[in-house]
């Protein structure tokens, strides 16, 4: 058989190449291939979760979970701050209304108290909520919330598209810029 391999160089080269490919495949099978594939992390997300701009595919599920936890945590914190601001605004409104009432009572005992009382009422009216303020605030909050959700959705879709492309599960969407 050795004589046949010496005379037929093409068969010898094919045999050596086959053995080399099998050795390479065996070596690659022993490696963690997911560590060789890199995933781009959007800059905003990387900064938020304190991650690198490029991570291995094997690290991507943990980074995704960390991102979702970050969004949930920050949304909760923001909602608490909004609620706290509403409490403070309500307290200040209550105090101003109480002070205005006390001022009107005291002004009525003074000469010209009716004028002072009317002036105080007019001044207090500047601080009262106008019709439509609550609706306007609600619309602004909803628009801000929707814009935040849309931005989060865009970032999540870009991340998922990059992961899908790396996995080879699907082709990137038409609007993917990666």
N, C-alpha and C. Protein backbone atom coordinates (compact mmCIF):
# COMPACT_ATOMS: atom_id res chain seq x y z
N UNK A 1 0.83 -1.18 0.00
CA UNK A 1 0.00 0.00 0.00
C UNK A 1 0.88 1.25 0.00
N UNK A 2 2.01 1.21 0.67
CA UNK A 2 2.90 2.36 0.70
C UNK A 2 3.44 2.64 -0.69
N UNK A 3 3.69 1.59 -1.44
CA UNK A 3 4.18 1.76 -2.81
C UNK A 3 3.14 2.46 -3.67
N UNK A 4 1.87 2.11 -3.49
CA UNK A 4 0.80 2.73 -4.27
C UNK A 4 0.68 4.22 -3.93
N UNK A 5 0.86 4.57 -2.64
CA UNK A 5 0.80 5.98 -2.24
C UNK A 5 1.98 6.76 -2.80
N UNK A 6 3.13 6.13 -2.88
CA UNK A 6 4.31 6.80 -3.45
C UNK A 6 4.12 7.07 -4.92
N UNK A 7 3.50 6.16 -5.64
CA UNK A 7 3.32 6.33 -7.08
C UNK A 7 2.14 7.25 -7.40
N UNK A 8 1.15 7.26 -6.57
CA UNK A 8 -0.03 8.09 -6.83
C UNK A 8 -0.02 9.28 -5.85
N UNK A 9 0.58 10.38 -6.25
CA UNK A 9 0.74 11.55 -5.38
C UNK A 9 -0.61 12.22 -5.08
N UNK A 10 -1.51 12.20 -6.01
CA UNK A 10 -2.81 12.82 -5.80
C UNK A 10 -3.56 12.10 -4.67
N UNK A 11 -3.52 10.80 -4.65
CA UNK A 11 -4.17 10.03 -3.59
C UNK A 11 -3.48 10.28 -2.26
N UNK A 12 -2.17 10.40 -2.28
CA UNK A 12 -1.42 10.68 -1.06
C UNK A 12 -1.79 12.04 -0.50
N UNK A 13 -1.87 13.04 -1.36
CA UNK A 13 -2.23 14.39 -0.92
C UNK A 13 -3.64 14.41 -0.37
N UNK A 14 -4.55 13.70 -1.02
CA UNK A 14 -5.93 13.63 -0.56
C UNK A 14 -6.01 12.94 0.80
N UNK A 15 -5.25 11.88 1.01
CA UNK A 15 -5.24 11.18 2.29
C UNK A 15 -4.69 12.07 3.40
N UNK A 16 -3.58 12.76 3.13
CA UNK A 16 -2.99 13.66 4.12
C UNK A 16 -3.94 14.81 4.43
N UNK A 17 -4.59 15.37 3.41
CA UNK A 17 -5.55 16.47 3.62
C UNK A 17 -6.75 15.99 4.44
N UNK A 18 -7.24 14.78 4.16
CA UNK A 18 -8.37 14.24 4.92
C UNK A 18 -8.01 14.05 6.38
N UNK A 19 -6.82 13.53 6.62
CA UNK A 19 -6.38 13.34 8.00
C UNK A 19 -6.24 14.71 8.69
N UNK A 20 -5.70 15.69 7.99
CA UNK A 20 -5.55 17.05 8.54
C UNK A 20 -6.89 17.67 8.87
N UNK A 21 -7.88 17.52 7.99
CA UNK A 21 -9.22 18.06 8.22
C UNK A 21 -9.86 17.36 9.42
N UNK A 22 -9.70 16.07 9.55
CA UNK A 22 -10.26 15.35 10.69
C UNK A 22 -9.60 15.79 11.99
N UNK A 23 -8.29 16.02 11.97
CA UNK A 23 -7.61 16.50 13.17
C UNK A 23 -8.07 17.91 13.54
N UNK A 24 -8.23 18.77 12.52
CA UNK A 24 -8.71 20.13 12.76
C UNK A 24 -10.14 20.12 13.31
N UNK A 25 -11.00 19.28 12.74
CA UNK A 25 -12.38 19.17 13.22
C UNK A 25 -12.42 18.66 14.65
N UNK A 26 -11.57 17.72 14.97
CA UNK A 26 -11.50 17.20 16.34
C UNK A 26 -11.04 18.28 17.30
N UNK A 27 -10.04 19.06 16.89
CA UNK A 27 -9.55 20.15 17.75
C UNK A 27 -10.62 21.21 17.96
N UNK A 28 -11.34 21.57 16.89
CA UNK A 28 -12.40 22.58 17.01
C UNK A 28 -13.56 22.08 17.86
N UNK A 29 -13.85 20.79 17.80
CA UNK A 29 -14.93 20.25 18.59
C UNK A 29 -14.61 20.36 20.08
N UNK A 30 -13.35 20.30 20.42
CA UNK A 30 -12.94 20.43 21.81
C UNK A 30 -12.97 21.87 22.30
N UNK A 31 -12.99 22.82 21.38
CA UNK A 31 -12.99 24.24 21.76
C UNK A 31 -14.43 24.71 22.03
N UNK A 32 -14.54 25.79 22.76
CA UNK A 32 -15.83 26.44 22.98
C UNK A 32 -16.00 27.45 21.84
N UNK A 33 -16.69 27.06 20.79
CA UNK A 33 -16.82 27.90 19.61
C UNK A 33 -17.60 29.18 19.89
N UNK A 34 -18.51 29.14 20.88
CA UNK A 34 -19.29 30.33 21.21
C UNK A 34 -18.39 31.46 21.70
N UNK A 35 -17.21 31.13 22.22
CA UNK A 35 -16.28 32.17 22.66
C UNK A 35 -15.56 32.82 21.49
N UNK A 36 -15.54 32.15 20.35
CA UNK A 36 -14.86 32.71 19.18
C UNK A 36 -15.75 33.68 18.42
N UNK A 37 -17.07 33.52 18.54
CA UNK A 37 -18.01 34.38 17.83
C UNK A 37 -18.27 35.62 18.69
N UNK A 38 -18.09 36.80 18.10
CA UNK A 38 -18.25 38.06 18.84
C UNK A 38 -19.56 38.74 18.44
N UNK A 39 -20.17 39.40 19.42
CA UNK A 39 -21.43 40.12 19.22
C UNK A 39 -21.18 41.59 19.55
N UNK A 40 -21.65 42.48 18.67
CA UNK A 40 -21.54 43.91 18.93
C UNK A 40 -22.66 44.33 19.88
N UNK A 41 -22.30 45.08 20.92
CA UNK A 41 -23.27 45.60 21.88
C UNK A 41 -23.42 47.10 21.59
N UNK A 42 -24.65 47.59 21.40
CA UNK A 42 -24.83 49.03 21.18
C UNK A 42 -24.19 49.83 22.30
N UNK A 43 -23.63 50.98 21.95
CA UNK A 43 -22.85 51.78 22.90
C UNK A 43 -23.66 52.17 24.14
N UNK A 44 -24.91 52.57 23.95
CA UNK A 44 -25.74 52.98 25.08
C UNK A 44 -25.97 51.82 26.04
N UNK A 45 -26.21 50.65 25.49
CA UNK A 45 -26.43 49.47 26.34
C UNK A 45 -25.15 49.09 27.05
N UNK A 46 -24.03 49.09 26.31
CA UNK A 46 -22.74 48.74 26.93
C UNK A 46 -22.41 49.68 28.08
N UNK A 47 -22.70 50.96 27.91
CA UNK A 47 -22.43 51.92 28.98
C UNK A 47 -23.37 51.69 30.17
N UNK A 48 -24.62 51.36 29.89
CA UNK A 48 -25.59 51.17 30.98
C UNK A 48 -25.27 49.93 31.81
N UNK A 49 -24.84 48.85 31.16
CA UNK A 49 -24.59 47.62 31.92
C UNK A 49 -23.10 47.41 32.19
N UNK A 50 -22.31 48.44 31.87
CA UNK A 50 -20.85 48.41 32.10
C UNK A 50 -20.24 47.18 31.46
N UNK A 51 -20.45 47.07 30.15
CA UNK A 51 -19.96 45.95 29.37
C UNK A 51 -19.05 46.47 28.26
N UNK A 52 -18.33 45.57 27.62
CA UNK A 52 -17.51 45.94 26.48
C UNK A 52 -18.42 46.15 25.27
N UNK A 53 -17.88 46.84 24.24
CA UNK A 53 -18.65 47.04 23.02
C UNK A 53 -18.79 45.75 22.21
N UNK A 54 -17.87 44.83 22.39
CA UNK A 54 -17.93 43.52 21.73
C UNK A 54 -17.77 42.44 22.80
N UNK A 55 -18.73 41.53 22.83
CA UNK A 55 -18.66 40.42 23.77
C UNK A 55 -18.81 39.13 23.00
N UNK A 56 -18.41 38.03 23.60
CA UNK A 56 -18.56 36.74 22.93
C UNK A 56 -20.02 36.32 22.98
N UNK A 57 -20.36 35.45 22.04
CA UNK A 57 -21.74 34.98 21.96
C UNK A 57 -22.13 34.25 23.25
N UNK A 58 -21.21 33.56 23.87
CA UNK A 58 -21.53 32.83 25.10
C UNK A 58 -21.86 33.78 26.25
N UNK A 59 -21.38 35.04 26.20
CA UNK A 59 -21.68 36.02 27.23
C UNK A 59 -22.96 36.80 26.94
N UNK A 60 -23.49 36.69 25.72
CA UNK A 60 -24.63 37.51 25.33
C UNK A 60 -25.91 37.23 26.12
N UNK A 61 -26.26 35.99 26.48
CA UNK A 61 -27.49 35.81 27.29
C UNK A 61 -27.39 36.51 28.64
N UNK A 62 -26.22 36.45 29.27
CA UNK A 62 -26.06 37.12 30.57
C UNK A 62 -26.16 38.64 30.41
N UNK A 63 -25.57 39.17 29.33
CA UNK A 63 -25.64 40.61 29.07
C UNK A 63 -27.09 41.03 28.80
N UNK A 64 -27.83 40.19 28.07
CA UNK A 64 -29.24 40.49 27.78
C UNK A 64 -30.04 40.53 29.07
N UNK A 65 -29.84 39.53 29.95
CA UNK A 65 -30.55 39.51 31.23
C UNK A 65 -30.20 40.73 32.07
N UNK A 66 -28.93 41.11 32.04
CA UNK A 66 -28.49 42.29 32.81
C UNK A 66 -29.15 43.56 32.26
N UNK A 67 -29.27 43.65 30.94
CA UNK A 67 -29.92 44.81 30.32
C UNK A 67 -31.39 44.88 30.72
N UNK A 68 -32.09 43.75 30.68
CA UNK A 68 -33.50 43.76 31.07
C UNK A 68 -33.66 44.14 32.54
N UNK A 69 -32.78 43.64 33.39
CA UNK A 69 -32.84 44.00 34.81
C UNK A 69 -32.58 45.49 35.00
N UNK A 70 -31.64 46.04 34.23
CA UNK A 70 -31.32 47.47 34.30
C UNK A 70 -32.55 48.30 33.92
N UNK A 71 -33.19 47.94 32.82
CA UNK A 71 -34.37 48.69 32.36
C UNK A 71 -35.48 48.62 33.41
N UNK A 72 -35.73 47.44 33.95
CA UNK A 72 -36.77 47.30 34.97
C UNK A 72 -36.43 48.13 36.22
N UNK A 73 -35.19 48.05 36.65
CA UNK A 73 -34.76 48.76 37.86
C UNK A 73 -34.88 50.28 37.67
N UNK A 74 -34.40 50.78 36.53
CA UNK A 74 -34.44 52.23 36.29
C UNK A 74 -35.87 52.73 36.07
N UNK A 75 -36.71 51.92 35.44
CA UNK A 75 -38.12 52.30 35.26
C UNK A 75 -38.81 52.41 36.61
N UNK A 76 -38.54 51.45 37.47
CA UNK A 76 -39.13 51.48 38.82
C UNK A 76 -38.66 52.71 39.59
N UNK A 77 -37.37 52.99 39.50
CA UNK A 77 -36.82 54.16 40.21
C UNK A 77 -37.45 55.46 39.67
N UNK A 78 -37.60 55.55 38.35
CA UNK A 78 -38.18 56.74 37.74
C UNK A 78 -39.64 56.89 38.17
N UNK A 79 -40.39 55.80 38.20
CA UNK A 79 -41.79 55.86 38.63
C UNK A 79 -41.90 56.32 40.08
N UNK A 80 -40.99 55.83 40.95
CA UNK A 80 -41.00 56.27 42.35
C UNK A 80 -40.71 57.76 42.45
N UNK A 81 -39.75 58.26 41.65
CA UNK A 81 -39.43 59.69 41.67
C UNK A 81 -40.62 60.53 41.20
N UNK A 82 -41.33 60.04 40.20
CA UNK A 82 -42.51 60.77 39.71
C UNK A 82 -43.58 60.81 40.81
N UNK A 83 -43.79 59.68 41.47
CA UNK A 83 -44.78 59.63 42.56
C UNK A 83 -44.38 60.57 43.70
N UNK A 84 -43.10 60.59 44.02
CA UNK A 84 -42.62 61.47 45.09
C UNK A 84 -42.83 62.93 44.70
N UNK A 85 -42.58 63.27 43.44
CA UNK A 85 -42.80 64.63 42.96
C UNK A 85 -44.27 65.01 43.03
N UNK A 86 -45.15 64.06 42.73
CA UNK A 86 -46.59 64.33 42.81
C UNK A 86 -47.01 64.59 44.26
N UNK A 87 -46.41 63.84 45.19
CA UNK A 87 -46.72 64.07 46.61
C UNK A 87 -46.29 65.46 47.06
N UNK A 88 -45.07 65.85 46.66
CA UNK A 88 -44.56 67.16 47.06
C UNK A 88 -45.41 68.27 46.45
N UNK A 89 -45.77 68.11 45.17
CA UNK A 89 -46.61 69.12 44.51
C UNK A 89 -47.97 69.23 45.20
N UNK A 90 -48.55 68.10 45.57
CA UNK A 90 -49.83 68.12 46.27
C UNK A 90 -49.72 68.78 47.64
N UNK A 91 -48.63 68.49 48.34
CA UNK A 91 -48.42 69.11 49.66
C UNK A 91 -48.27 70.62 49.53
N UNK A 92 -47.47 71.06 48.55
CA UNK A 92 -47.28 72.50 48.35
C UNK A 92 -48.59 73.18 47.96
N UNK A 93 -49.38 72.51 47.12
CA UNK A 93 -50.66 73.07 46.71
C UNK A 93 -51.58 73.20 47.93
N UNK A 94 -51.60 72.18 48.77
CA UNK A 94 -52.43 72.21 49.97
C UNK A 94 -52.00 73.33 50.91
N UNK A 95 -50.68 73.46 51.11
CA UNK A 95 -50.18 74.53 51.98
C UNK A 95 -50.51 75.91 51.44
N UNK A 96 -50.38 76.08 50.12
CA UNK A 96 -50.68 77.41 49.55
C UNK A 96 -52.16 77.74 49.67
N UNK A 97 -53.02 76.74 49.49
CA UNK A 97 -54.45 76.98 49.63
C UNK A 97 -54.81 77.31 51.08
N UNK A 98 -54.16 76.60 52.02
CA UNK A 98 -54.41 76.88 53.44
C UNK A 98 -53.92 78.28 53.79
N UNK A 99 -52.74 78.64 53.32
CA UNK A 99 -52.20 79.98 53.58
C UNK A 99 -53.06 81.06 52.97
N UNK A 100 -53.59 80.79 51.80
CA UNK A 100 -54.46 81.77 51.15
C UNK A 100 -55.75 81.95 51.96
N UNK A 101 -56.29 80.87 52.47
CA UNK A 101 -57.51 80.95 53.28
C UNK A 101 -57.25 81.73 54.56
N UNK A 102 -56.11 81.47 55.21
CA UNK A 102 -55.77 82.20 56.44
C UNK A 102 -55.58 83.68 56.13
N UNK A 103 -54.93 83.97 55.01
CA UNK A 103 -54.70 85.36 54.62
C UNK A 103 -55.99 86.09 54.33
N UNK A 104 -56.94 85.43 53.73
CA UNK A 104 -58.23 86.06 53.44
C UNK A 104 -58.99 86.35 54.74
N UNK A 105 -58.92 85.42 55.68
CA UNK A 105 -59.61 85.65 56.95
C UNK A 105 -59.00 86.83 57.70
N UNK A 106 -57.67 86.90 57.70
CA UNK A 106 -57.01 88.01 58.41
C UNK A 106 -57.23 89.33 57.69
N UNK A 107 -57.27 89.31 56.37
CA UNK A 107 -57.43 90.55 55.61
C UNK A 107 -58.81 91.15 55.80
N UNK A 108 -59.79 90.32 56.07
CA UNK A 108 -61.15 90.86 56.22
C UNK A 108 -61.30 91.71 57.49
N UNK A 109 -60.40 91.57 58.46
CA UNK A 109 -60.49 92.38 59.69
C UNK A 109 -59.78 93.72 59.54
N UNK A 110 -59.02 93.90 58.50
CA UNK A 110 -58.28 95.15 58.27
C UNK A 110 -59.11 96.11 57.42
N UNK A 111 -58.83 97.43 57.57
CA UNK A 111 -59.49 98.36 56.65
C UNK A 111 -59.01 98.08 55.22
N UNK A 112 -59.92 98.04 54.28
CA UNK A 112 -59.57 97.73 52.89
C UNK A 112 -59.31 96.25 52.71
N UNK A 113 -59.80 95.46 53.63
CA UNK A 113 -59.56 94.01 53.60
C UNK A 113 -60.16 93.34 52.38
N UNK A 114 -61.25 93.89 51.86
CA UNK A 114 -61.88 93.30 50.68
C UNK A 114 -60.93 93.37 49.49
N UNK A 115 -60.23 94.52 49.37
CA UNK A 115 -59.26 94.64 48.28
C UNK A 115 -58.09 93.68 48.46
N UNK A 116 -57.62 93.60 49.68
CA UNK A 116 -56.50 92.69 49.95
C UNK A 116 -56.93 91.25 49.70
N UNK A 117 -58.14 90.93 50.14
CA UNK A 117 -58.66 89.57 49.96
C UNK A 117 -58.80 89.25 48.48
N UNK A 118 -59.31 90.19 47.70
CA UNK A 118 -59.45 89.96 46.25
C UNK A 118 -58.08 89.80 45.60
N UNK A 119 -57.11 90.62 46.03
CA UNK A 119 -55.75 90.52 45.47
C UNK A 119 -55.14 89.17 45.80
N UNK A 120 -55.32 88.74 47.06
CA UNK A 120 -54.79 87.43 47.45
C UNK A 120 -55.45 86.30 46.67
N UNK A 121 -56.75 86.41 46.45
CA UNK A 121 -57.45 85.38 45.68
C UNK A 121 -56.94 85.35 44.24
N UNK A 122 -56.73 86.52 43.67
CA UNK A 122 -56.19 86.58 42.31
C UNK A 122 -54.78 86.01 42.24
N UNK A 123 -53.97 86.35 43.25
CA UNK A 123 -52.61 85.82 43.30
C UNK A 123 -52.62 84.30 43.48
N UNK A 124 -53.53 83.83 44.34
CA UNK A 124 -53.63 82.38 44.54
C UNK A 124 -54.10 81.66 43.29
N UNK A 125 -54.93 82.33 42.50
CA UNK A 125 -55.41 81.73 41.27
C UNK A 125 -54.30 81.45 40.27
N UNK A 126 -53.21 82.21 40.36
CA UNK A 126 -52.08 81.95 39.47
C UNK A 126 -51.45 80.58 39.74
N UNK A 127 -51.56 80.12 40.97
CA UNK A 127 -50.92 78.86 41.35
C UNK A 127 -51.85 77.65 41.25
N UNK A 128 -53.14 77.90 41.03
CA UNK A 128 -54.08 76.80 40.93
C UNK A 128 -54.00 76.16 39.55
N UNK A 129 -54.39 74.92 39.50
CA UNK A 129 -54.39 74.20 38.23
C UNK A 129 -55.48 74.75 37.32
N UNK A 130 -55.12 74.95 36.09
CA UNK A 130 -56.07 75.43 35.10
C UNK A 130 -56.78 74.23 34.48
N UNK A 131 -57.94 74.44 33.90
CA UNK A 131 -58.63 73.34 33.22
C UNK A 131 -57.75 72.80 32.09
N UNK A 132 -57.63 71.51 32.03
CA UNK A 132 -56.82 70.90 30.98
C UNK A 132 -55.39 70.61 31.38
N UNK A 133 -54.92 71.12 32.53
CA UNK A 133 -53.54 70.86 32.97
C UNK A 133 -53.30 69.37 33.21
N UNK A 134 -54.24 68.73 33.87
CA UNK A 134 -54.07 67.31 34.18
C UNK A 134 -54.04 66.49 32.89
N UNK A 135 -54.91 66.82 31.95
CA UNK A 135 -54.93 66.11 30.68
C UNK A 135 -53.64 66.34 29.90
N UNK A 136 -53.16 67.56 29.90
CA UNK A 136 -51.91 67.90 29.20
C UNK A 136 -50.74 67.14 29.82
N UNK A 137 -50.68 67.07 31.15
CA UNK A 137 -49.62 66.33 31.82
C UNK A 137 -49.71 64.84 31.51
N UNK A 138 -50.93 64.32 31.50
CA UNK A 138 -51.11 62.90 31.19
C UNK A 138 -50.64 62.59 29.77
N UNK A 139 -50.96 63.45 28.82
CA UNK A 139 -50.54 63.24 27.44
C UNK A 139 -49.02 63.31 27.30
N UNK A 140 -48.40 64.26 28.04
CA UNK A 140 -46.94 64.36 28.00
C UNK A 140 -46.28 63.11 28.59
N UNK A 141 -46.83 62.62 29.68
CA UNK A 141 -46.29 61.40 30.31
C UNK A 141 -46.43 60.21 29.37
N UNK A 142 -47.60 60.08 28.74
CA UNK A 142 -47.83 58.96 27.82
C UNK A 142 -46.88 59.04 26.63
N UNK A 143 -46.69 60.24 26.09
CA UNK A 143 -45.78 60.40 24.94
C UNK A 143 -44.36 60.06 25.34
N UNK A 144 -43.95 60.50 26.50
CA UNK A 144 -42.60 60.19 26.99
C UNK A 144 -42.43 58.70 27.21
N UNK A 145 -43.43 58.08 27.79
CA UNK A 145 -43.38 56.64 28.04
C UNK A 145 -43.31 55.86 26.73
N UNK A 146 -44.16 56.26 25.76
CA UNK A 146 -44.15 55.58 24.45
C UNK A 146 -42.80 55.77 23.75
N UNK A 147 -42.24 56.96 23.84
CA UNK A 147 -40.94 57.20 23.20
C UNK A 147 -39.86 56.34 23.85
N UNK A 148 -39.91 56.21 25.17
CA UNK A 148 -38.94 55.35 25.86
C UNK A 148 -39.10 53.90 25.47
N UNK A 149 -40.35 53.44 25.36
CA UNK A 149 -40.59 52.07 24.94
C UNK A 149 -40.10 51.83 23.51
N UNK A 150 -40.36 52.78 22.63
CA UNK A 150 -39.91 52.64 21.24
C UNK A 150 -38.39 52.56 21.16
N UNK A 151 -37.70 53.43 21.91
CA UNK A 151 -36.24 53.41 21.90
C UNK A 151 -35.72 52.09 22.45
N UNK A 152 -36.31 51.62 23.55
CA UNK A 152 -35.92 50.33 24.12
C UNK A 152 -36.18 49.19 23.14
N UNK A 153 -37.31 49.27 22.44
CA UNK A 153 -37.65 48.24 21.46
C UNK A 153 -36.64 48.24 20.32
N UNK A 154 -36.26 49.42 19.84
CA UNK A 154 -35.26 49.51 18.77
C UNK A 154 -33.94 48.89 19.20
N UNK A 155 -33.51 49.21 20.40
CA UNK A 155 -32.24 48.68 20.90
C UNK A 155 -32.33 47.17 21.06
N UNK A 156 -33.45 46.69 21.60
CA UNK A 156 -33.62 45.25 21.79
C UNK A 156 -33.67 44.52 20.45
N UNK A 157 -34.37 45.10 19.46
CA UNK A 157 -34.46 44.46 18.15
C UNK A 157 -33.09 44.41 17.49
N UNK A 158 -32.32 45.48 17.62
CA UNK A 158 -30.98 45.49 17.03
C UNK A 158 -30.09 44.43 17.68
N UNK A 159 -30.22 44.29 18.99
CA UNK A 159 -29.43 43.28 19.71
C UNK A 159 -29.85 41.88 19.29
N UNK A 160 -31.15 41.64 19.24
CA UNK A 160 -31.64 40.32 18.87
C UNK A 160 -31.29 39.99 17.42
N UNK A 161 -31.34 40.98 16.54
CA UNK A 161 -30.97 40.74 15.14
C UNK A 161 -29.49 40.39 15.03
N UNK A 162 -28.65 41.07 15.80
CA UNK A 162 -27.22 40.77 15.78
C UNK A 162 -26.97 39.37 16.30
N UNK A 163 -27.67 38.98 17.37
CA UNK A 163 -27.50 37.63 17.92
C UNK A 163 -27.98 36.60 16.91
N UNK A 164 -29.11 36.88 16.25
CA UNK A 164 -29.65 35.94 15.27
C UNK A 164 -28.71 35.79 14.08
N UNK A 165 -28.11 36.89 13.65
CA UNK A 165 -27.19 36.82 12.52
C UNK A 165 -25.97 36.01 12.92
N UNK A 166 -25.48 36.22 14.13
CA UNK A 166 -24.32 35.48 14.59
C UNK A 166 -24.64 33.99 14.68
N UNK A 167 -25.81 33.67 15.17
CA UNK A 167 -26.22 32.28 15.29
C UNK A 167 -26.46 31.67 13.92
N UNK A 168 -26.74 32.51 12.92
CA UNK A 168 -27.04 32.00 11.59
C UNK A 168 -28.45 31.49 11.48
N UNK A 169 -29.29 31.86 12.44
CA UNK A 169 -30.66 31.37 12.47
C UNK A 169 -31.53 32.04 11.41
N UNK A 170 -31.18 33.28 11.07
CA UNK A 170 -31.98 34.00 10.09
C UNK A 170 -31.15 35.11 9.49
N UNK A 171 -31.62 35.64 8.40
CA UNK A 171 -30.93 36.77 7.80
C UNK A 171 -31.33 38.02 8.52
N UNK A 172 -30.50 39.06 8.50
CA UNK A 172 -30.85 40.28 9.22
C UNK A 172 -32.06 40.96 8.61
N UNK A 173 -32.84 41.65 9.44
CA UNK A 173 -34.00 42.40 8.91
C UNK A 173 -33.52 43.49 7.96
N UNK A 174 -34.47 44.00 7.17
CA UNK A 174 -34.13 45.00 6.17
C UNK A 174 -33.58 46.28 6.79
N UNK A 175 -34.07 46.66 7.96
CA UNK A 175 -33.66 47.92 8.60
C UNK A 175 -32.47 47.75 9.51
N UNK A 176 -31.84 46.58 9.51
CA UNK A 176 -30.71 46.33 10.40
C UNK A 176 -29.48 46.99 9.84
N UNK A 177 -28.73 47.72 10.68
CA UNK A 177 -27.58 48.50 10.22
C UNK A 177 -26.26 47.86 10.63
N UNK A 178 -26.23 46.64 11.13
CA UNK A 178 -25.03 46.02 11.68
C UNK A 178 -24.03 45.59 10.70
